Amino acid sequence: MSINIRPAILIIENQQILTMQYNYGGQEVYNLPGGNLELGEHLSDALAREMQEELGIEVSVGEMILVGEIYIEERKKHTLHLLFEGKITVGVPTLNPKETSAISIKWLTINDLNNANLYPNLTKQIQDYLAGKLNNKYIGKINQQWF
């Protein structure tokens, strides 16, 4: 079994969070932009590549906000999620259908997160981080709903 490493980026503009909307099994799911690390690739380089490929934007990657993990026994899938601060430096997010199966870009307010199926499911941790209440960057197991 291998461990998948998935960096993601938290981009906030006008008090809204950039997400990518997907439809999984008839359910709307909102992903924090990011992607899988390729062999030999640094985390910040992976984020820059994924943002360019999927959204056509250039980003600056800031500090790591948190790290957590998801393990799904029945799928034998283990993913290490790392969330970083980020800012768009060039461009406006536009989906590239050749690089992503997302159906749209959605800017969600902090309160919208309470009612969104977020992947990874970091709603509480993001809210704590923004309120200055996230004390430990390692959050352990992420309670993720699957569809």
N, C-alpha and C. Protein backbone atom coordinates (compact mmCIF):
# COMPACT_ATOMS: atom_id res chain seq x y z
N MET A 1 0.84 -1.18 0.00
CA MET A 1 0.00 0.00 0.00
C MET A 1 0.88 1.25 0.00
N SER A 2 0.47 2.21 -0.77
CA SER A 2 1.20 3.48 -0.80
C SER A 2 0.36 4.58 -0.16
N ILE A 3 1.01 5.67 0.14
CA ILE A 3 0.32 6.82 0.72
C ILE A 3 0.31 7.92 -0.33
N ASN A 4 -0.86 8.42 -0.62
CA ASN A 4 -1.03 9.52 -1.54
C ASN A 4 -0.80 10.84 -0.78
N ILE A 5 -0.06 11.76 -1.37
CA ILE A 5 0.19 13.05 -0.74
C ILE A 5 -0.53 14.11 -1.57
N ARG A 6 -1.45 14.84 -0.94
CA ARG A 6 -2.26 15.82 -1.66
C ARG A 6 -2.16 17.19 -1.00
N PRO A 7 -1.34 18.09 -1.56
CA PRO A 7 -1.35 19.47 -1.08
C PRO A 7 -2.56 20.21 -1.65
N ALA A 8 -3.10 21.12 -0.87
CA ALA A 8 -4.20 21.97 -1.31
C ALA A 8 -3.90 23.40 -0.85
N ILE A 9 -4.61 24.33 -1.44
CA ILE A 9 -4.33 25.74 -1.17
C ILE A 9 -5.61 26.45 -0.74
N LEU A 10 -5.49 27.29 0.27
CA LEU A 10 -6.60 28.08 0.77
C LEU A 10 -6.44 29.50 0.23
N ILE A 11 -7.26 29.82 -0.76
CA ILE A 11 -7.24 31.14 -1.38
C ILE A 11 -8.51 31.87 -0.97
N ILE A 12 -8.33 33.02 -0.33
CA ILE A 12 -9.47 33.82 0.13
C ILE A 12 -9.39 35.19 -0.52
N GLU A 13 -10.48 35.56 -1.18
CA GLU A 13 -10.60 36.90 -1.76
C GLU A 13 -11.98 37.43 -1.41
N ASN A 14 -12.05 38.66 -0.99
CA ASN A 14 -13.34 39.28 -0.63
C ASN A 14 -14.13 38.41 0.35
N GLN A 15 -13.42 37.84 1.30
CA GLN A 15 -14.00 37.00 2.36
C GLN A 15 -14.70 35.76 1.81
N GLN A 16 -14.24 35.29 0.65
CA GLN A 16 -14.76 34.07 0.06
C GLN A 16 -13.60 33.13 -0.26
N ILE A 17 -13.88 31.83 -0.15
CA ILE A 17 -12.87 30.79 -0.35
C ILE A 17 -13.06 30.16 -1.73
N LEU A 18 -11.96 30.04 -2.46
CA LEU A 18 -11.99 29.43 -3.78
C LEU A 18 -12.14 27.92 -3.64
N THR A 19 -13.18 27.37 -4.29
CA THR A 19 -13.37 25.92 -4.34
C THR A 19 -13.71 25.51 -5.76
N MET A 20 -13.60 24.23 -6.01
CA MET A 20 -13.96 23.65 -7.30
C MET A 20 -15.11 22.68 -7.04
N GLN A 21 -16.20 22.87 -7.77
CA GLN A 21 -17.40 22.05 -7.56
C GLN A 21 -17.37 20.82 -8.45
N TYR A 22 -17.66 19.68 -7.83
CA TYR A 22 -17.74 18.40 -8.52
C TYR A 22 -19.11 17.79 -8.23
N ASN A 23 -19.48 16.78 -9.02
CA ASN A 23 -20.68 16.01 -8.75
C ASN A 23 -20.25 14.56 -8.63
N TYR A 24 -20.33 14.04 -7.41
CA TYR A 24 -19.97 12.65 -7.15
C TYR A 24 -21.21 11.91 -6.68
N GLY A 25 -21.63 10.92 -7.44
CA GLY A 25 -22.79 10.12 -7.05
C GLY A 25 -24.03 10.95 -6.82
N GLY A 26 -24.20 12.02 -7.60
CA GLY A 26 -25.37 12.87 -7.46
C GLY A 26 -25.26 13.91 -6.35
N GLN A 27 -24.11 13.96 -5.68
CA GLN A 27 -23.89 14.92 -4.59
C GLN A 27 -22.93 16.02 -5.04
N GLU A 28 -23.25 17.24 -4.66
CA GLU A 28 -22.33 18.34 -4.91
C GLU A 28 -21.21 18.27 -3.87
N VAL A 29 -19.97 18.31 -4.36
CA VAL A 29 -18.79 18.28 -3.50
C VAL A 29 -17.91 19.45 -3.90
N TYR A 30 -17.36 20.13 -2.90
CA TYR A 30 -16.51 21.29 -3.14
C TYR A 30 -15.09 20.96 -2.68
N ASN A 31 -14.17 20.94 -3.64
CA ASN A 31 -12.77 20.64 -3.32
C ASN A 31 -11.99 21.93 -3.12
N LEU A 32 -11.11 21.91 -2.14
CA LEU A 32 -10.11 22.97 -2.06
C LEU A 32 -9.12 22.68 -3.19
N PRO A 33 -8.77 23.68 -3.99
CA PRO A 33 -7.88 23.42 -5.13
C PRO A 33 -6.56 22.80 -4.67
N GLY A 34 -6.11 21.84 -5.43
CA GLY A 34 -4.87 21.16 -5.13
C GLY A 34 -4.74 19.95 -6.03
N GLY A 35 -3.92 19.03 -5.63
CA GLY A 35 -3.74 17.83 -6.43
C GLY A 35 -2.67 16.94 -5.84
N ASN A 36 -2.44 15.86 -6.54
CA ASN A 36 -1.49 14.88 -6.05
C ASN A 36 -0.06 15.26 -6.39
N LEU A 37 0.79 14.97 -5.45
CA LEU A 37 2.22 15.22 -5.61
C LEU A 37 2.80 14.19 -6.56
N GLU A 38 3.62 14.65 -7.50
CA GLU A 38 4.30 13.74 -8.40
C GLU A 38 5.68 13.41 -7.82
N LEU A 39 6.21 12.26 -8.19
CA LEU A 39 7.49 11.80 -7.68
C LEU A 39 8.57 12.85 -7.93
N GLY A 40 9.28 13.24 -6.88
CA GLY A 40 10.36 14.21 -6.98
C GLY A 40 9.92 15.66 -6.95
N GLU A 41 8.63 15.90 -6.82
CA GLU A 41 8.08 17.26 -6.86
C GLU A 41 7.95 17.82 -5.45
N HIS A 42 8.29 19.08 -5.28
CA HIS A 42 8.11 19.76 -4.00
C HIS A 42 6.66 20.20 -3.86
N LEU A 43 6.18 20.31 -2.63
CA LEU A 43 4.78 20.63 -2.38
C LEU A 43 4.36 21.95 -3.04
N SER A 44 5.15 23.00 -2.88
CA SER A 44 4.78 24.29 -3.46
C SER A 44 4.80 24.24 -4.98
N ASP A 45 5.72 23.46 -5.55
CA ASP A 45 5.76 23.31 -7.01
C ASP A 45 4.53 22.55 -7.51
N ALA A 46 4.10 21.55 -6.75
CA ALA A 46 2.89 20.80 -7.13
C ALA A 46 1.68 21.71 -7.13
N LEU A 47 1.56 22.55 -6.11
CA LEU A 47 0.43 23.48 -6.07
C LEU A 47 0.47 24.47 -7.22
N ALA A 48 1.64 25.01 -7.50
CA ALA A 48 1.77 25.96 -8.61
C ALA A 48 1.38 25.28 -9.93
N ARG A 49 1.85 24.05 -10.13
CA ARG A 49 1.53 23.31 -11.36
C ARG A 49 0.04 23.03 -11.47
N GLU A 50 -0.55 22.53 -10.39
CA GLU A 50 -1.98 22.21 -10.42
C GLU A 50 -2.84 23.45 -10.67
N MET A 51 -2.49 24.58 -10.05
CA MET A 51 -3.27 25.80 -10.25
C MET A 51 -3.17 26.29 -11.70
N GLN A 52 -1.98 26.16 -12.27
CA GLN A 52 -1.79 26.56 -13.66
C GLN A 52 -2.56 25.63 -14.59
N GLU A 53 -2.42 24.31 -14.38
CA GLU A 53 -3.07 23.33 -15.25
C GLU A 53 -4.59 23.39 -15.17
N GLU A 54 -5.13 23.38 -13.95
CA GLU A 54 -6.57 23.25 -13.76
C GLU A 54 -7.32 24.57 -13.81
N LEU A 55 -6.69 25.66 -13.36
CA LEU A 55 -7.40 26.94 -13.23
C LEU A 55 -6.77 28.08 -14.01
N GLY A 56 -5.62 27.86 -14.63
CA GLY A 56 -4.99 28.89 -15.43
C GLY A 56 -4.51 30.10 -14.64
N ILE A 57 -4.14 29.88 -13.38
CA ILE A 57 -3.67 30.98 -12.54
C ILE A 57 -2.28 30.69 -12.00
N GLU A 58 -1.59 31.77 -11.64
CA GLU A 58 -0.33 31.64 -10.92
C GLU A 58 -0.61 32.04 -9.49
N VAL A 59 0.03 31.33 -8.57
CA VAL A 59 -0.21 31.57 -7.15
C VAL A 59 1.11 31.71 -6.41
N SER A 60 1.04 32.40 -5.28
CA SER A 60 2.14 32.36 -4.33
C SER A 60 1.67 31.46 -3.20
N VAL A 61 2.54 30.55 -2.80
CA VAL A 61 2.21 29.58 -1.75
C VAL A 61 2.84 30.07 -0.46
N GLY A 62 2.01 30.21 0.56
CA GLY A 62 2.47 30.69 1.85
C GLY A 62 2.75 29.55 2.81
N GLU A 63 2.54 29.83 4.09
CA GLU A 63 2.82 28.86 5.14
C GLU A 63 1.84 27.69 5.13
N MET A 64 2.32 26.56 5.64
CA MET A 64 1.43 25.43 5.81
C MET A 64 0.47 25.74 6.95
N ILE A 65 -0.81 25.53 6.71
CA ILE A 65 -1.84 25.77 7.72
C ILE A 65 -2.01 24.52 8.59
N LEU A 66 -2.11 23.36 7.93
CA LEU A 66 -2.35 22.14 8.68
C LEU A 66 -2.02 20.92 7.84
N VAL A 67 -1.96 19.79 8.52
CA VAL A 67 -1.79 18.48 7.88
C VAL A 67 -2.71 17.50 8.59
N GLY A 68 -3.37 16.68 7.81
CA GLY A 68 -4.26 15.65 8.35
C GLY A 68 -4.30 14.48 7.38
N GLU A 69 -4.96 13.41 7.79
CA GLU A 69 -4.96 12.23 6.94
C GLU A 69 -6.31 11.54 6.90
N ILE A 70 -6.51 10.88 5.77
CA ILE A 70 -7.72 10.09 5.56
C ILE A 70 -7.29 8.68 5.19
N TYR A 71 -7.83 7.70 5.89
CA TYR A 71 -7.59 6.30 5.53
C TYR A 71 -8.94 5.63 5.38
N ILE A 72 -9.13 5.00 4.22
CA ILE A 72 -10.38 4.29 3.94
C ILE A 72 -10.04 2.81 3.80
N GLU A 73 -10.37 2.06 4.83
CA GLU A 73 -10.03 0.64 4.90
C GLU A 73 -10.56 -0.14 3.70
N GLU A 74 -11.84 0.04 3.39
CA GLU A 74 -12.44 -0.75 2.31
C GLU A 74 -11.84 -0.45 0.94
N ARG A 75 -11.28 0.71 0.78
CA ARG A 75 -10.62 1.07 -0.48
C ARG A 75 -9.10 0.91 -0.41
N LYS A 76 -8.59 0.61 0.78
CA LYS A 76 -7.15 0.52 1.01
C LYS A 76 -6.46 1.78 0.47
N LYS A 77 -7.05 2.92 0.83
CA LYS A 77 -6.54 4.21 0.34
C LYS A 77 -6.17 5.09 1.53
N HIS A 78 -4.94 5.59 1.51
CA HIS A 78 -4.44 6.45 2.58
C HIS A 78 -3.92 7.73 1.93
N THR A 79 -4.47 8.87 2.34
CA THR A 79 -4.06 10.15 1.77
C THR A 79 -3.64 11.09 2.89
N LEU A 80 -2.49 11.70 2.70
CA LEU A 80 -1.99 12.73 3.59
C LEU A 80 -2.32 14.08 2.95
N HIS A 81 -3.13 14.88 3.64
CA HIS A 81 -3.56 16.18 3.13
C HIS A 81 -2.78 17.29 3.83
N LEU A 82 -2.27 18.22 3.03
CA LEU A 82 -1.55 19.38 3.56
C LEU A 82 -2.21 20.62 2.99
N LEU A 83 -2.59 21.54 3.84
CA LEU A 83 -3.25 22.77 3.40
C LEU A 83 -2.32 23.95 3.63
N PHE A 84 -2.17 24.76 2.57
CA PHE A 84 -1.28 25.92 2.60
C PHE A 84 -2.06 27.21 2.36
N GLU A 85 -1.54 28.30 2.91
CA GLU A 85 -2.05 29.63 2.57
C GLU A 85 -1.66 29.90 1.12
N GLY A 86 -2.48 30.71 0.44
CA GLY A 86 -2.11 31.06 -0.93
C GLY A 86 -2.80 32.30 -1.41
N LYS A 87 -2.22 32.88 -2.44
CA LYS A 87 -2.79 34.08 -3.09
C LYS A 87 -2.62 33.93 -4.58
N ILE A 88 -3.62 34.42 -5.31
CA ILE A 88 -3.52 34.47 -6.77
C ILE A 88 -2.64 35.67 -7.12
N THR A 89 -1.61 35.42 -7.92
CA THR A 89 -0.73 36.51 -8.33
C THR A 89 -0.97 36.93 -9.78
N VAL A 90 -1.42 35.99 -10.61
CA VAL A 90 -1.69 36.29 -12.01
C VAL A 90 -2.91 35.48 -12.46
N GLY A 91 -3.85 36.18 -13.10
CA GLY A 91 -4.97 35.48 -13.73
C GLY A 91 -6.24 35.46 -12.89
N VAL A 92 -7.27 34.95 -13.54
CA VAL A 92 -8.59 34.76 -12.94
C VAL A 92 -8.91 33.28 -13.08
N PRO A 93 -9.31 32.60 -12.01
CA PRO A 93 -9.57 31.16 -12.10
C PRO A 93 -10.61 30.83 -13.18
N THR A 94 -10.20 29.95 -14.09
CA THR A 94 -11.06 29.47 -15.17
C THR A 94 -10.79 27.98 -15.33
N LEU A 95 -11.84 27.17 -15.31
CA LEU A 95 -11.66 25.72 -15.41
C LEU A 95 -11.08 25.32 -16.75
N ASN A 96 -10.15 24.39 -16.72
CA ASN A 96 -9.59 23.77 -17.91
C ASN A 96 -10.12 22.34 -17.96
N PRO A 97 -11.16 22.06 -18.76
CA PRO A 97 -11.78 20.73 -18.76
C PRO A 97 -10.84 19.61 -19.20
N LYS A 98 -9.71 19.95 -19.81
CA LYS A 98 -8.74 18.91 -20.19
C LYS A 98 -7.95 18.43 -18.97
N GLU A 99 -7.96 19.21 -17.90
CA GLU A 99 -7.15 18.90 -16.71
C GLU A 99 -7.97 18.58 -15.46
N THR A 100 -9.27 18.85 -15.48
CA THR A 100 -10.09 18.61 -14.29
C THR A 100 -11.49 18.18 -14.68
N SER A 101 -12.12 17.39 -13.83
CA SER A 101 -13.52 16.99 -14.04
C SER A 101 -14.47 17.89 -13.24
N ALA A 102 -13.94 18.95 -12.64
CA ALA A 102 -14.79 19.89 -11.91
C ALA A 102 -15.82 20.49 -12.88
N ILE A 103 -17.01 20.78 -12.34
CA ILE A 103 -18.06 21.34 -13.21
C ILE A 103 -18.14 22.86 -13.10
N SER A 104 -17.58 23.43 -12.03
CA SER A 104 -17.57 24.88 -11.92
C SER A 104 -16.63 25.33 -10.80
N ILE A 105 -16.36 26.61 -10.81
CA ILE A 105 -15.61 27.25 -9.74
C ILE A 105 -16.62 27.93 -8.84
N LYS A 106 -16.47 27.74 -7.55
CA LYS A 106 -17.39 28.36 -6.59
C LYS A 106 -16.58 29.07 -5.51
N TRP A 107 -16.93 30.33 -5.28
CA TRP A 107 -16.37 31.08 -4.15
C TRP A 107 -17.39 30.97 -3.03
N LEU A 108 -17.00 30.33 -1.94
CA LEU A 108 -17.89 30.11 -0.80
C LEU A 108 -17.49 31.02 0.36
N THR A 109 -18.50 31.57 1.04
CA THR A 109 -18.22 32.34 2.24
C THR A 109 -17.85 31.36 3.36
N ILE A 110 -17.27 31.88 4.41
CA ILE A 110 -16.92 31.04 5.55
C ILE A 110 -18.17 30.34 6.08
N ASN A 111 -19.30 31.04 6.13
CA ASN A 111 -20.54 30.44 6.61
C ASN A 111 -21.08 29.39 5.64
N ASP A 112 -20.85 29.57 4.32
CA ASP A 112 -21.29 28.58 3.33
C ASP A 112 -20.64 27.22 3.60
N LEU A 113 -19.44 27.23 4.16
CA LEU A 113 -18.74 25.97 4.40
C LEU A 113 -19.53 25.04 5.32
N ASN A 114 -20.34 25.62 6.21
CA ASN A 114 -21.12 24.80 7.14
C ASN A 114 -22.10 23.88 6.44
N ASN A 115 -22.54 24.26 5.24
CA ASN A 115 -23.53 23.48 4.52
C ASN A 115 -22.97 22.83 3.26
N ALA A 116 -21.66 22.88 3.08
CA ALA A 116 -21.03 22.33 1.87
C ALA A 116 -20.34 21.01 2.20
N ASN A 117 -20.39 20.09 1.24
CA ASN A 117 -19.60 18.86 1.34
C ASN A 117 -18.21 19.22 0.84
N LEU A 118 -17.30 19.47 1.77
CA LEU A 118 -15.96 19.94 1.45
C LEU A 118 -14.98 18.78 1.42
N TYR A 119 -14.09 18.79 0.41
CA TYR A 119 -13.01 17.80 0.34
C TYR A 119 -11.69 18.53 0.24
N PRO A 120 -10.75 18.25 1.12
CA PRO A 120 -10.96 17.46 2.33
C PRO A 120 -11.86 18.20 3.32
N ASN A 121 -12.50 17.45 4.18
CA ASN A 121 -13.48 18.00 5.12
C ASN A 121 -12.76 18.74 6.26
N LEU A 122 -12.44 19.99 5.97
CA LEU A 122 -11.67 20.81 6.92
C LEU A 122 -12.43 22.06 7.36
N THR A 123 -13.75 22.03 7.26
CA THR A 123 -14.55 23.22 7.57
C THR A 123 -14.22 23.77 8.96
N LYS A 124 -14.29 22.94 9.98
CA LYS A 124 -14.05 23.42 11.34
C LYS A 124 -12.62 23.94 11.49
N GLN A 125 -11.67 23.23 10.93
CA GLN A 125 -10.27 23.64 11.06
C GLN A 125 -10.01 24.96 10.33
N ILE A 126 -10.63 25.15 9.16
CA ILE A 126 -10.47 26.42 8.44
C ILE A 126 -11.08 27.55 9.25
N GLN A 127 -12.26 27.32 9.80
CA GLN A 127 -12.90 28.35 10.62
C GLN A 127 -12.05 28.66 11.85
N ASP A 128 -11.50 27.64 12.49
CA ASP A 128 -10.62 27.86 13.64
C ASP A 128 -9.37 28.63 13.23
N TYR A 129 -8.77 28.26 12.11
CA TYR A 129 -7.58 28.94 11.61
C TYR A 129 -7.86 30.43 11.37
N LEU A 130 -8.97 30.72 10.70
CA LEU A 130 -9.30 32.11 10.40
C LEU A 130 -9.62 32.91 11.65
N ALA A 131 -10.09 32.23 12.69
CA ALA A 131 -10.38 32.89 13.96
C ALA A 131 -9.15 32.92 14.89
N GLY A 132 -8.02 32.39 14.41
CA GLY A 132 -6.81 32.36 15.24
C GLY A 132 -6.86 31.31 16.34
N LYS A 133 -7.68 30.27 16.17
CA LYS A 133 -7.87 29.27 17.22
C LYS A 133 -7.33 27.89 16.87
N LEU A 134 -6.62 27.76 15.74
CA LEU A 134 -6.05 26.47 15.38
C LEU A 134 -4.66 26.37 16.02
N ASN A 135 -4.58 25.58 17.08
CA ASN A 135 -3.36 25.55 17.87
C ASN A 135 -2.34 24.52 17.41
N ASN A 136 -2.80 23.47 16.75
CA ASN A 136 -1.90 22.39 16.34
C ASN A 136 -2.04 22.18 14.84
N LYS A 137 -0.95 22.23 14.11
CA LYS A 137 -1.01 22.06 12.66
C LYS A 137 -1.31 20.62 12.27
N TYR A 138 -0.98 19.67 13.13
CA TYR A 138 -1.32 18.28 12.85
C TYR A 138 -2.70 18.01 13.45
N ILE A 139 -3.68 17.75 12.58
CA ILE A 139 -5.05 17.56 13.06
C ILE A 139 -5.44 16.09 13.13
N GLY A 140 -4.55 15.19 12.67
CA GLY A 140 -4.85 13.76 12.74
C GLY A 140 -5.83 13.32 11.68
N LYS A 141 -6.72 12.43 12.08
CA LYS A 141 -7.69 11.84 11.14
C LYS A 141 -8.72 12.89 10.73
N ILE A 142 -8.94 12.99 9.41
CA ILE A 142 -9.98 13.86 8.87
C ILE A 142 -11.23 13.01 8.69
N ASN A 143 -12.33 13.46 9.26
CA ASN A 143 -13.59 12.74 9.15
C ASN A 143 -14.23 13.09 7.81
N GLN A 144 -13.99 12.25 6.80
CA GLN A 144 -14.45 12.54 5.45
C GLN A 144 -15.65 11.69 5.08
N GLN A 145 -16.69 12.35 4.58
CA GLN A 145 -17.86 11.64 4.07
C GLN A 145 -17.59 11.27 2.62
N TRP A 146 -17.97 10.05 2.23
CA TRP A 146 -17.80 9.61 0.83
C TRP A 146 -19.15 9.38 0.20
N PHE A 147 -19.21 9.56 -1.08
CA PHE A 147 -20.49 9.52 -1.80
C PHE A 147 -20.53 8.37 -2.79
